[in-house]
Structure formats: C-alpha cells, structure tokens
N, C-alpha and C. Protein backbone atom coordinates (compact mmCIF):
# COMPACT_ATOMS: atom_id res chain seq x y z
N MET A 1 83.27 -55.01 62.17
CA MET A 1 81.87 -55.27 62.28
C MET A 1 81.56 -56.39 61.22
N ARG A 2 82.15 -56.21 59.99
CA ARG A 2 81.96 -57.23 59.02
C ARG A 2 82.43 -58.61 59.44
N ARG A 3 83.56 -58.56 60.08
CA ARG A 3 84.13 -59.87 60.52
C ARG A 3 83.09 -60.54 61.45
N VAL A 4 82.58 -59.87 62.37
CA VAL A 4 81.59 -60.43 63.36
C VAL A 4 80.35 -60.97 62.62
N ALA A 5 79.89 -60.21 61.66
CA ALA A 5 78.77 -60.69 60.90
C ALA A 5 79.09 -61.88 60.07
N ALA A 6 80.25 -61.98 59.50
CA ALA A 6 80.69 -63.18 58.74
C ALA A 6 80.80 -64.39 59.65
N LEU A 7 81.33 -64.18 60.83
CA LEU A 7 81.48 -65.30 61.82
C LEU A 7 80.03 -65.80 62.27
N ALA A 8 79.14 -64.83 62.47
CA ALA A 8 77.76 -65.19 62.84
C ALA A 8 77.06 -65.95 61.81
N ALA A 9 77.30 -65.56 60.48
CA ALA A 9 76.68 -66.23 59.43
C ALA A 9 77.20 -67.59 59.24
N LEU A 10 78.52 -67.81 59.45
CA LEU A 10 79.18 -69.09 59.38
C LEU A 10 78.67 -70.00 60.47
N ALA A 11 78.54 -69.53 61.68
CA ALA A 11 77.99 -70.24 62.84
C ALA A 11 76.63 -70.67 62.60
N LEU A 12 75.81 -69.75 62.08
CA LEU A 12 74.30 -70.14 61.83
C LEU A 12 74.27 -71.19 60.79
N GLY A 13 75.07 -71.08 59.72
CA GLY A 13 75.13 -72.10 58.64
C GLY A 13 75.49 -73.46 59.21
N ALA A 14 76.61 -73.46 60.06
CA ALA A 14 77.06 -74.72 60.59
C ALA A 14 75.99 -75.35 61.51
N GLY A 15 75.28 -74.53 62.27
CA GLY A 15 74.19 -75.03 63.13
C GLY A 15 73.13 -75.62 62.41
N LEU A 16 72.70 -74.99 61.22
CA LEU A 16 71.61 -75.57 60.42
C LEU A 16 71.96 -76.86 59.81
N GLY A 17 73.20 -77.01 59.37
CA GLY A 17 73.69 -78.27 58.85
C GLY A 17 73.61 -79.36 59.84
N CYS A 18 74.06 -79.06 61.09
CA CYS A 18 74.09 -79.99 62.15
C CYS A 18 72.68 -80.38 62.49
N HIS A 19 71.77 -79.42 62.52
CA HIS A 19 70.38 -79.71 62.87
C HIS A 19 69.74 -80.63 61.84
N SER A 20 69.95 -80.48 60.63
CA SER A 20 69.39 -81.35 59.59
C SER A 20 69.96 -82.81 59.71
N ASP A 21 71.23 -82.92 60.12
CA ASP A 21 71.79 -84.27 60.22
C ASP A 21 71.04 -84.97 61.45
N MET A 22 70.76 -84.17 62.48
CA MET A 22 70.11 -84.87 63.62
C MET A 22 68.70 -85.31 63.27
N ILE A 23 68.05 -84.52 62.45
CA ILE A 23 66.65 -84.87 62.01
C ILE A 23 66.68 -86.16 61.13
N ASP A 24 67.72 -86.28 60.31
CA ASP A 24 67.77 -87.38 59.35
C ASP A 24 68.37 -88.67 59.87
N GLN A 25 68.83 -88.71 61.16
CA GLN A 25 69.37 -89.89 61.72
C GLN A 25 68.30 -90.98 61.96
N PRO A 26 68.68 -92.33 61.96
CA PRO A 26 67.66 -93.32 62.21
C PRO A 26 67.14 -93.23 63.58
N LYS A 27 65.89 -93.52 63.76
CA LYS A 27 65.18 -93.52 65.05
C LYS A 27 64.78 -94.94 65.36
N PHE A 28 65.26 -95.45 66.44
CA PHE A 28 64.96 -96.84 66.80
C PHE A 28 63.92 -96.85 67.94
N ARG A 29 62.97 -97.70 67.80
CA ARG A 29 61.95 -97.89 68.74
C ARG A 29 62.21 -99.21 69.47
N PRO A 30 61.90 -99.41 70.69
CA PRO A 30 62.16 -100.70 71.45
C PRO A 30 61.46 -101.82 70.68
N LEU A 31 62.22 -102.93 70.53
CA LEU A 31 61.77 -104.16 69.98
C LEU A 31 61.41 -104.09 68.46
N GLU A 32 61.77 -102.96 67.84
CA GLU A 32 61.57 -102.84 66.42
C GLU A 32 62.73 -103.46 65.60
N ARG A 33 62.44 -103.97 64.42
CA ARG A 33 63.47 -104.60 63.48
C ARG A 33 64.36 -103.46 63.05
N SER A 34 65.67 -103.79 62.86
CA SER A 34 66.61 -102.81 62.36
C SER A 34 67.67 -103.44 61.47
N ASP A 35 68.04 -102.81 60.44
CA ASP A 35 69.18 -103.33 59.62
C ASP A 35 70.50 -102.91 60.16
N PHE A 36 70.53 -101.99 61.18
CA PHE A 36 71.76 -101.46 61.64
C PHE A 36 72.66 -102.47 62.34
N PHE A 37 71.99 -103.40 63.10
CA PHE A 37 72.66 -104.43 63.88
C PHE A 37 72.54 -105.77 63.16
N ALA A 38 73.62 -106.51 63.30
CA ALA A 38 73.66 -107.83 62.56
C ALA A 38 72.54 -108.75 62.96
N ASP A 39 72.05 -108.70 64.20
CA ASP A 39 70.99 -109.57 64.61
C ASP A 39 69.63 -109.09 64.26
N GLY A 40 69.53 -107.89 63.65
CA GLY A 40 68.30 -107.47 63.22
C GLY A 40 67.40 -106.75 64.26
N ASN A 41 67.88 -106.74 65.49
CA ASN A 41 67.13 -106.11 66.59
C ASN A 41 67.61 -104.69 66.89
N SER A 42 66.72 -103.83 67.20
CA SER A 42 67.11 -102.45 67.53
C SER A 42 67.50 -102.35 69.07
N SER A 43 66.86 -103.20 69.89
CA SER A 43 67.15 -103.23 71.31
C SER A 43 68.37 -104.08 71.54
N ARG A 44 69.25 -103.60 72.35
CA ARG A 44 70.49 -104.29 72.66
C ARG A 44 70.37 -104.99 74.02
N PRO A 45 70.96 -106.26 74.04
CA PRO A 45 70.87 -106.96 75.37
C PRO A 45 71.86 -106.25 76.38
N GLN A 46 71.53 -106.48 77.60
CA GLN A 46 72.47 -105.92 78.62
C GLN A 46 73.84 -106.69 78.61
N VAL A 47 74.88 -105.92 78.87
CA VAL A 47 76.17 -106.52 78.84
C VAL A 47 76.25 -107.38 80.09
N GLU A 48 76.66 -108.69 79.93
CA GLU A 48 76.70 -109.63 80.95
C GLU A 48 77.53 -109.10 82.16
N GLY A 49 77.00 -109.29 83.37
CA GLY A 49 77.75 -108.94 84.55
C GLY A 49 77.55 -107.48 84.98
N THR A 50 76.80 -106.68 84.26
CA THR A 50 76.65 -105.38 84.54
C THR A 50 75.36 -105.16 85.50
N VAL A 51 75.46 -104.09 86.26
CA VAL A 51 74.31 -103.77 87.16
C VAL A 51 73.99 -102.26 86.90
N ALA A 52 72.76 -101.95 86.72
CA ALA A 52 72.38 -100.54 86.53
C ALA A 52 72.70 -99.74 87.78
N ARG A 53 73.03 -98.47 87.56
CA ARG A 53 73.37 -97.64 88.70
C ARG A 53 72.18 -97.59 89.71
N GLY A 54 72.51 -97.77 90.90
CA GLY A 54 71.48 -97.73 91.95
C GLY A 54 70.75 -99.05 92.17
N GLN A 55 71.06 -100.09 91.39
CA GLN A 55 70.30 -101.31 91.42
C GLN A 55 71.03 -102.44 92.08
N LEU A 56 72.21 -102.21 92.64
CA LEU A 56 73.01 -103.31 93.27
C LEU A 56 72.39 -103.54 94.57
N ARG A 57 71.90 -104.77 94.85
CA ARG A 57 71.21 -105.10 96.03
C ARG A 57 72.15 -106.01 96.88
N SER A 58 73.25 -105.46 97.38
CA SER A 58 74.25 -106.26 98.04
C SER A 58 73.92 -106.48 99.56
N ASP A 59 73.00 -105.61 100.10
CA ASP A 59 72.62 -105.72 101.50
C ASP A 59 71.31 -106.46 101.65
N GLU A 60 71.42 -107.77 101.92
CA GLU A 60 70.21 -108.65 102.07
C GLU A 60 69.20 -108.04 102.99
N LEU A 61 69.65 -107.69 104.22
CA LEU A 61 68.72 -107.19 105.19
C LEU A 61 68.01 -105.92 104.71
N LEU A 62 68.69 -105.01 104.20
CA LEU A 62 68.08 -103.72 103.77
C LEU A 62 67.03 -104.00 102.73
N HIS A 63 67.35 -104.82 101.76
CA HIS A 63 66.45 -104.96 100.54
C HIS A 63 65.46 -106.10 100.66
N THR A 64 65.71 -107.01 101.54
CA THR A 64 64.64 -108.18 101.63
C THR A 64 64.03 -108.28 103.02
N GLY A 65 64.67 -107.68 104.05
CA GLY A 65 64.15 -107.89 105.41
C GLY A 65 64.50 -109.21 105.97
N LYS A 66 65.42 -109.84 105.28
CA LYS A 66 65.83 -111.23 105.77
C LYS A 66 67.28 -111.33 106.03
N GLU A 67 67.65 -112.26 106.81
CA GLU A 67 69.05 -112.68 107.16
C GLU A 67 69.06 -114.16 107.05
N GLY A 68 69.94 -114.65 106.21
CA GLY A 68 69.98 -116.10 106.02
C GLY A 68 68.70 -116.79 105.59
N GLY A 69 67.94 -115.98 104.78
CA GLY A 69 66.64 -116.42 104.31
C GLY A 69 65.38 -116.34 105.30
N GLN A 70 65.69 -115.92 106.42
CA GLN A 70 64.64 -115.77 107.51
C GLN A 70 64.25 -114.33 107.79
N PRO A 71 63.09 -113.97 108.13
CA PRO A 71 62.75 -112.67 108.50
C PRO A 71 63.61 -112.13 109.69
N SER A 72 64.19 -111.01 109.57
CA SER A 72 65.18 -110.45 110.49
C SER A 72 64.48 -110.00 111.77
N GLU A 73 65.11 -110.16 112.85
CA GLU A 73 64.62 -109.62 114.15
C GLU A 73 65.16 -108.19 114.39
N ARG A 74 66.01 -107.68 113.52
CA ARG A 74 66.60 -106.43 113.76
C ARG A 74 66.46 -105.52 112.55
N PHE A 75 66.59 -104.26 112.75
CA PHE A 75 66.56 -103.25 111.68
C PHE A 75 67.96 -103.04 111.06
N PRO A 76 68.01 -102.63 109.82
CA PRO A 76 69.35 -102.46 109.19
C PRO A 76 70.02 -101.19 109.58
N PHE A 77 69.36 -100.34 110.38
CA PHE A 77 69.96 -99.11 110.88
C PHE A 77 69.28 -98.68 112.14
N ALA A 78 69.90 -97.73 112.83
CA ALA A 78 69.33 -97.34 114.16
C ALA A 78 67.99 -96.60 114.03
N VAL A 79 67.11 -96.94 114.91
CA VAL A 79 65.75 -96.30 114.96
C VAL A 79 65.87 -95.05 115.79
N ASP A 80 65.64 -93.93 115.25
CA ASP A 80 65.65 -92.67 116.02
C ASP A 80 64.43 -91.80 115.72
N PRO A 81 64.30 -90.69 116.46
CA PRO A 81 63.04 -89.89 116.18
C PRO A 81 62.87 -89.42 114.74
N LYS A 82 63.94 -89.07 114.06
CA LYS A 82 63.79 -88.69 112.67
C LYS A 82 63.20 -89.87 111.81
N LEU A 83 63.72 -91.08 112.00
CA LEU A 83 63.15 -92.23 111.33
C LEU A 83 61.79 -92.45 111.62
N LEU A 84 61.43 -92.36 112.88
CA LEU A 84 59.98 -92.55 113.32
C LEU A 84 58.99 -91.46 112.63
N GLU A 85 59.54 -90.31 112.59
CA GLU A 85 58.75 -89.22 111.96
C GLU A 85 58.57 -89.48 110.47
N ARG A 86 59.61 -89.94 109.77
CA ARG A 86 59.50 -90.27 108.35
C ARG A 86 58.55 -91.48 108.21
N GLY A 87 58.64 -92.46 109.11
CA GLY A 87 57.77 -93.65 109.11
C GLY A 87 56.29 -93.17 109.32
N ARG A 88 56.02 -92.27 110.24
CA ARG A 88 54.68 -91.81 110.39
C ARG A 88 54.20 -91.12 109.23
N GLU A 89 54.89 -90.30 108.56
CA GLU A 89 54.50 -89.58 107.34
C GLU A 89 54.18 -90.63 106.24
N ARG A 90 55.01 -91.57 106.00
CA ARG A 90 54.81 -92.62 104.98
C ARG A 90 53.65 -93.42 105.25
N PHE A 91 53.45 -93.86 106.60
CA PHE A 91 52.43 -94.70 107.06
C PHE A 91 51.08 -93.99 106.72
N GLU A 92 51.03 -92.68 107.09
CA GLU A 92 49.76 -92.02 106.90
C GLU A 92 49.36 -91.86 105.38
N ILE A 93 50.37 -91.87 104.54
CA ILE A 93 50.09 -91.86 103.08
C ILE A 93 49.70 -93.19 102.51
N PHE A 94 50.46 -94.16 102.87
CA PHE A 94 50.29 -95.48 102.20
C PHE A 94 49.53 -96.52 103.03
N CYS A 95 49.59 -96.49 104.31
CA CYS A 95 48.98 -97.54 105.12
C CYS A 95 47.65 -97.14 105.77
N ALA A 96 47.58 -95.92 106.28
CA ALA A 96 46.44 -95.46 107.04
C ALA A 96 45.04 -95.67 106.26
N PRO A 97 45.06 -95.40 104.93
CA PRO A 97 43.78 -95.54 104.27
C PRO A 97 43.12 -96.93 104.48
N CYS A 98 43.89 -97.96 104.71
CA CYS A 98 43.40 -99.32 104.96
C CYS A 98 43.46 -99.63 106.48
N HIS A 99 44.61 -99.51 107.00
CA HIS A 99 44.91 -99.93 108.31
C HIS A 99 44.51 -98.96 109.45
N GLY A 100 44.11 -97.77 109.09
CA GLY A 100 43.77 -96.68 109.98
C GLY A 100 44.97 -96.01 110.65
N ARG A 101 44.74 -94.85 111.07
CA ARG A 101 45.93 -94.02 111.72
C ARG A 101 46.49 -94.67 112.93
N LEU A 102 45.71 -95.46 113.70
CA LEU A 102 46.19 -96.12 114.85
C LEU A 102 46.66 -97.55 114.52
N GLY A 103 46.53 -97.98 113.30
CA GLY A 103 46.96 -99.32 112.95
C GLY A 103 45.96 -100.38 113.36
N ASP A 104 44.73 -99.91 113.68
CA ASP A 104 43.71 -100.90 114.23
C ASP A 104 42.79 -101.52 113.11
N GLY A 105 43.12 -101.26 111.84
CA GLY A 105 42.39 -101.89 110.76
C GLY A 105 41.04 -101.15 110.48
N GLN A 106 40.90 -99.90 110.98
CA GLN A 106 39.66 -99.23 110.75
C GLN A 106 39.90 -97.99 109.82
N GLY A 107 40.61 -98.18 108.79
CA GLY A 107 40.89 -97.08 107.81
C GLY A 107 39.60 -96.70 107.00
N MET A 108 39.84 -95.71 106.16
CA MET A 108 38.76 -95.09 105.33
C MET A 108 38.12 -96.22 104.42
N ILE A 109 38.97 -97.23 103.93
CA ILE A 109 38.35 -98.17 103.04
C ILE A 109 37.27 -99.06 103.73
N VAL A 110 37.45 -99.23 105.01
CA VAL A 110 36.50 -100.01 105.79
C VAL A 110 35.11 -99.25 105.84
N GLN A 111 35.26 -97.92 106.03
CA GLN A 111 34.08 -97.12 106.05
C GLN A 111 33.33 -97.12 104.63
N ARG A 112 34.07 -97.40 103.68
CA ARG A 112 33.46 -97.44 102.30
C ARG A 112 33.05 -98.88 101.90
N GLY A 113 33.12 -99.82 102.85
CA GLY A 113 32.61 -101.14 102.56
C GLY A 113 33.55 -102.20 102.20
N PHE A 114 34.83 -101.90 102.22
CA PHE A 114 35.78 -102.85 101.76
C PHE A 114 36.17 -103.78 103.00
N LYS A 115 36.79 -104.85 102.68
CA LYS A 115 37.22 -105.87 103.72
C LYS A 115 38.12 -105.13 104.74
N ILE A 116 37.89 -105.56 106.06
CA ILE A 116 38.69 -105.04 107.14
C ILE A 116 40.09 -105.71 107.15
N PRO A 117 41.16 -104.86 107.01
CA PRO A 117 42.52 -105.45 107.09
C PRO A 117 42.81 -105.79 108.55
N PRO A 118 43.85 -106.62 108.84
CA PRO A 118 44.11 -106.99 110.19
C PRO A 118 44.73 -105.73 110.94
N SER A 119 44.42 -105.75 112.23
CA SER A 119 44.99 -104.73 113.14
C SER A 119 46.44 -105.15 113.43
N PHE A 120 47.23 -104.10 113.54
CA PHE A 120 48.61 -104.33 113.87
C PHE A 120 48.80 -104.68 115.40
N HIS A 121 47.66 -104.67 116.10
CA HIS A 121 47.67 -104.81 117.52
C HIS A 121 47.34 -106.27 117.95
N ILE A 122 47.15 -107.16 117.02
CA ILE A 122 46.86 -108.51 117.37
C ILE A 122 48.16 -109.20 117.67
N ASP A 123 48.13 -110.20 118.54
CA ASP A 123 49.36 -110.84 118.97
C ASP A 123 50.26 -111.29 117.92
N ARG A 124 49.63 -111.91 116.91
CA ARG A 124 50.45 -112.49 115.73
C ARG A 124 51.35 -111.39 115.12
N LEU A 125 50.79 -110.19 114.93
CA LEU A 125 51.64 -109.15 114.23
C LEU A 125 52.51 -108.36 115.33
N ARG A 126 52.10 -108.39 116.54
CA ARG A 126 52.95 -107.69 117.56
C ARG A 126 54.19 -108.57 117.82
N GLN A 127 54.05 -109.81 117.67
CA GLN A 127 55.21 -110.76 117.83
C GLN A 127 55.98 -111.06 116.60
N ALA A 128 55.47 -110.59 115.45
CA ALA A 128 56.21 -110.85 114.24
C ALA A 128 57.50 -110.08 114.17
N ALA A 129 58.52 -110.65 113.46
CA ALA A 129 59.83 -109.97 113.34
C ALA A 129 59.66 -108.78 112.46
N PRO A 130 60.46 -107.67 112.70
CA PRO A 130 60.38 -106.62 111.81
C PRO A 130 60.64 -106.96 110.39
N GLY A 131 61.48 -107.94 110.09
CA GLY A 131 61.72 -108.27 108.75
C GLY A 131 60.51 -108.92 108.03
N TYR A 132 59.62 -109.48 108.85
CA TYR A 132 58.37 -110.06 108.31
C TYR A 132 57.45 -108.92 107.85
N LEU A 133 57.38 -107.89 108.72
CA LEU A 133 56.54 -106.66 108.29
C LEU A 133 57.09 -106.01 107.07
N PHE A 134 58.42 -105.93 107.02
CA PHE A 134 59.07 -105.34 105.84
C PHE A 134 58.75 -106.17 104.57
N ASP A 135 58.80 -107.56 104.66
CA ASP A 135 58.48 -108.43 103.60
C ASP A 135 57.08 -108.20 103.12
N VAL A 136 56.16 -108.05 103.99
CA VAL A 136 54.68 -107.92 103.66
C VAL A 136 54.50 -106.58 102.90
N ILE A 137 55.18 -105.48 103.39
CA ILE A 137 55.05 -104.25 102.64
C ILE A 137 55.64 -104.39 101.30
N THR A 138 56.77 -105.04 101.19
CA THR A 138 57.43 -105.21 99.86
C THR A 138 56.72 -106.06 98.92
N ASN A 139 56.22 -107.25 99.39
CA ASN A 139 55.63 -108.19 98.45
C ASN A 139 54.12 -108.32 98.58
N GLY A 140 53.52 -107.61 99.45
CA GLY A 140 52.04 -107.71 99.60
C GLY A 140 51.68 -109.03 100.33
N PHE A 141 50.33 -109.06 100.72
CA PHE A 141 49.94 -110.31 101.45
C PHE A 141 48.38 -110.33 101.40
N GLY A 142 47.78 -111.35 100.95
CA GLY A 142 46.36 -111.45 100.88
C GLY A 142 45.84 -110.39 99.91
N ALA A 143 44.92 -109.55 100.29
CA ALA A 143 44.31 -108.51 99.45
C ALA A 143 45.32 -107.30 99.32
N MET A 144 46.33 -107.27 100.16
CA MET A 144 47.19 -106.09 100.15
C MET A 144 48.20 -106.19 98.95
N VAL A 145 48.32 -105.12 98.16
CA VAL A 145 49.24 -105.09 97.01
C VAL A 145 50.61 -104.87 97.53
N ASP A 146 51.62 -105.20 96.65
CA ASP A 146 53.00 -104.99 96.99
C ASP A 146 53.36 -103.49 96.81
N TYR A 147 54.24 -103.03 97.67
CA TYR A 147 54.69 -101.62 97.57
C TYR A 147 56.10 -101.47 97.22
N ARG A 148 56.67 -102.55 96.61
CA ARG A 148 58.08 -102.59 96.21
C ARG A 148 58.42 -101.41 95.31
N GLY A 149 57.61 -101.15 94.29
CA GLY A 149 57.86 -100.15 93.31
C GLY A 149 57.38 -98.76 93.73
N ARG A 150 56.72 -98.56 94.85
CA ARG A 150 56.16 -97.35 95.28
C ARG A 150 56.85 -96.73 96.49
N ILE A 151 57.44 -97.60 97.32
CA ILE A 151 58.01 -97.14 98.57
C ILE A 151 59.50 -97.63 98.60
N SER A 152 60.47 -96.73 98.74
CA SER A 152 61.91 -97.15 98.79
C SER A 152 62.15 -98.10 99.99
N PRO A 153 63.17 -98.90 99.93
CA PRO A 153 63.48 -99.85 101.04
C PRO A 153 63.64 -98.97 102.39
N ALA A 154 64.30 -97.85 102.35
CA ALA A 154 64.54 -97.17 103.56
C ALA A 154 63.27 -96.72 104.11
N ASP A 155 62.34 -96.25 103.29
CA ASP A 155 61.04 -95.82 103.79
C ASP A 155 60.14 -96.95 104.28
N ARG A 156 60.28 -98.19 103.63
CA ARG A 156 59.59 -99.33 104.12
C ARG A 156 60.06 -99.65 105.59
N TRP A 157 61.36 -99.55 105.85
CA TRP A 157 61.86 -99.81 107.23
C TRP A 157 61.41 -98.71 108.13
N ALA A 158 61.31 -97.47 107.64
CA ALA A 158 60.77 -96.39 108.53
C ALA A 158 59.27 -96.70 108.84
N ILE A 159 58.49 -97.22 107.98
CA ILE A 159 57.12 -97.60 108.25
C ILE A 159 57.06 -98.70 109.31
N VAL A 160 57.96 -99.66 109.11
CA VAL A 160 58.00 -100.78 110.07
C VAL A 160 58.35 -100.28 111.52
N ALA A 161 59.26 -99.34 111.56
CA ALA A 161 59.63 -98.74 112.90
C ALA A 161 58.43 -98.01 113.49
N TYR A 162 57.68 -97.31 112.64
CA TYR A 162 56.49 -96.59 113.12
C TYR A 162 55.45 -97.54 113.55
N VAL A 163 55.28 -98.60 112.78
CA VAL A 163 54.24 -99.65 113.22
C VAL A 163 54.60 -100.20 114.51
N ARG A 164 55.90 -100.43 114.82
CA ARG A 164 56.36 -100.97 116.13
C ARG A 164 56.04 -99.89 117.19
N ALA A 165 56.22 -98.62 116.92
CA ALA A 165 55.87 -97.61 117.91
C ALA A 165 54.36 -97.55 118.17
N LEU A 166 53.54 -97.73 117.11
CA LEU A 166 52.12 -97.83 117.29
C LEU A 166 51.70 -98.99 118.19
N GLN A 167 52.33 -100.16 117.89
CA GLN A 167 52.06 -101.30 118.63
C GLN A 167 52.40 -101.10 120.16
N LEU A 168 53.59 -100.53 120.32
CA LEU A 168 54.04 -100.23 121.74
C LEU A 168 53.11 -99.28 122.40
N SER A 169 52.66 -98.27 121.71
CA SER A 169 51.72 -97.25 122.33
C SER A 169 50.43 -97.82 122.82
N GLN A 170 49.97 -98.89 122.17
CA GLN A 170 48.74 -99.61 122.68
C GLN A 170 48.91 -100.72 123.56
N HIS A 171 50.19 -101.16 123.75
CA HIS A 171 50.37 -102.43 124.51
C HIS A 171 51.58 -102.31 125.42
N LEU A 172 51.90 -101.18 125.98
CA LEU A 172 53.08 -101.03 126.80
C LEU A 172 52.66 -101.43 128.19
N PRO A 173 53.38 -102.43 128.74
CA PRO A 173 53.08 -102.82 130.17
C PRO A 173 53.19 -101.65 131.15
N ALA A 174 52.35 -101.56 132.06
CA ALA A 174 52.39 -100.49 133.05
C ALA A 174 53.71 -100.43 133.79
N SER A 175 54.35 -101.58 133.95
CA SER A 175 55.67 -101.63 134.67
C SER A 175 56.74 -100.93 133.84
N ARG A 176 56.58 -100.61 132.57
CA ARG A 176 57.60 -99.95 131.76
C ARG A 176 57.32 -98.44 131.74
N LEU A 177 56.23 -97.92 132.33
CA LEU A 177 55.90 -96.59 132.33
C LEU A 177 56.73 -95.87 133.45
N ALA A 178 56.96 -94.56 133.28
CA ALA A 178 57.58 -93.75 134.31
C ALA A 178 56.75 -93.68 135.50
N ALA A 179 57.27 -93.53 136.70
CA ALA A 179 56.45 -93.57 137.92
C ALA A 179 55.32 -92.53 137.90
N GLN A 180 55.57 -91.37 137.32
CA GLN A 180 54.57 -90.33 137.31
C GLN A 180 53.42 -90.80 136.37
N GLU A 181 53.67 -91.33 135.25
CA GLU A 181 52.68 -91.84 134.35
C GLU A 181 51.93 -93.01 134.90
N ARG A 182 52.64 -93.92 135.63
CA ARG A 182 52.02 -95.07 136.26
C ARG A 182 50.99 -94.56 137.30
N GLY A 183 51.42 -93.49 138.07
CA GLY A 183 50.53 -92.95 139.07
C GLY A 183 49.26 -92.39 138.41
N ARG A 184 49.38 -91.63 137.28
CA ARG A 184 48.23 -91.15 136.64
C ARG A 184 47.27 -92.23 136.12
N LEU A 185 47.88 -93.24 135.59
CA LEU A 185 47.07 -94.39 135.17
C LEU A 185 46.37 -95.11 136.31
N GLU A 186 46.94 -95.30 137.40
CA GLU A 186 46.31 -95.95 138.50
C GLU A 186 45.26 -95.11 139.20
N SER A 187 45.44 -93.78 139.15
CA SER A 187 44.44 -92.83 139.74
C SER A 187 43.34 -92.59 138.81
N GLY A 188 43.49 -92.91 137.58
CA GLY A 188 42.41 -92.70 136.55
C GLY A 188 42.37 -91.29 136.02
N SER A 189 43.37 -90.45 136.31
CA SER A 189 43.29 -89.01 135.79
C SER A 189 44.13 -88.90 134.56
C-alpha cells in the first residue's frame, strides 16, 4: 500500500512540474515580433512547394467548372437521383431565398423589396453551360455574392444539376413526354 501511495505522489509531483513548464513556455501570436527566430517574426512562411491537406486543386473541371479555360458543357461526375436530392436541399438553403423555389426569381427577398434576380428559365440561362452556372455560384455575379467559401465544390455541382432539373421541368418539349403524360396534357386533365 505504501508503495502505491509513493508512486502516486511521485506521479503527481511529476505532473505538476510538467504543468508549470507548459504555463511558462513562450506564447506566439500571429504577426507578433519574436526573438526566438532569426528574422524576428513569430509567424513562419509556408515551405515552398507544399500544399495544405485537402487544398490540392488538381481537377480543373471539379474546382473551376472550366475545361481549357472555357465553361464546361459537362459535369465532373454522373448526375443521379441522390445528387439531385442533395442539389435540391442545398438550393433551397442557399439559392431559393433570392431565386425562388422554382428558380423563377421570385424568392423571399423580392417580397421584401430587393432587386429581382434573373429567372433560371430565361433562354440565356437555359442555354448556358453547366460550367458557367458553377462559375457564377463560385465567384458571384452582379449583386450575387460568391459562395466559394460557403458551399463545397461537390455541392455547387449538385446545385447546378438541380437547376438543370428545374429548367427541364418548366421547358420540357411535349415530344419528350411519355405517351400517357402527353395524352393528359393534350386533354387538359
């Protein structure tokens, strides 16, 4: 029993000593002068040629929406129901307040007296390349702020896919409808 108590006392003493060393160590604040480094700066420059984890942007299409410097006509991955659902969710959070849930430019901000954003159903935006829409979400356009820091690239692409689905839902030629749906449309029911 004495031996256990002695070991406990020794461990406690060692822990207190370590604790006081941690309290007494120098604390550097960003951009503060320091005598520790020869150049007098406390902040260290990045090592040349290094890239922070998760920051390598080797896929031009995924991260810029462009191929060869031009807006891409294709998506960087397959568009499936799961991607469209994610796009709908993100669209309703980030885009619908301005552009409306149908993408018609009649969002809540318009009801509050702000400028009407463009409808996604105008010819210019229906004919725009998916990469163009991605670029606008990324960098902003006109009164629209950029969403680069708020929405991940994958989610920006999901939003673009959902916008394409909204556009298609409002402008699908009758010839592309199933026979049953075309019949309902023609009969007015």
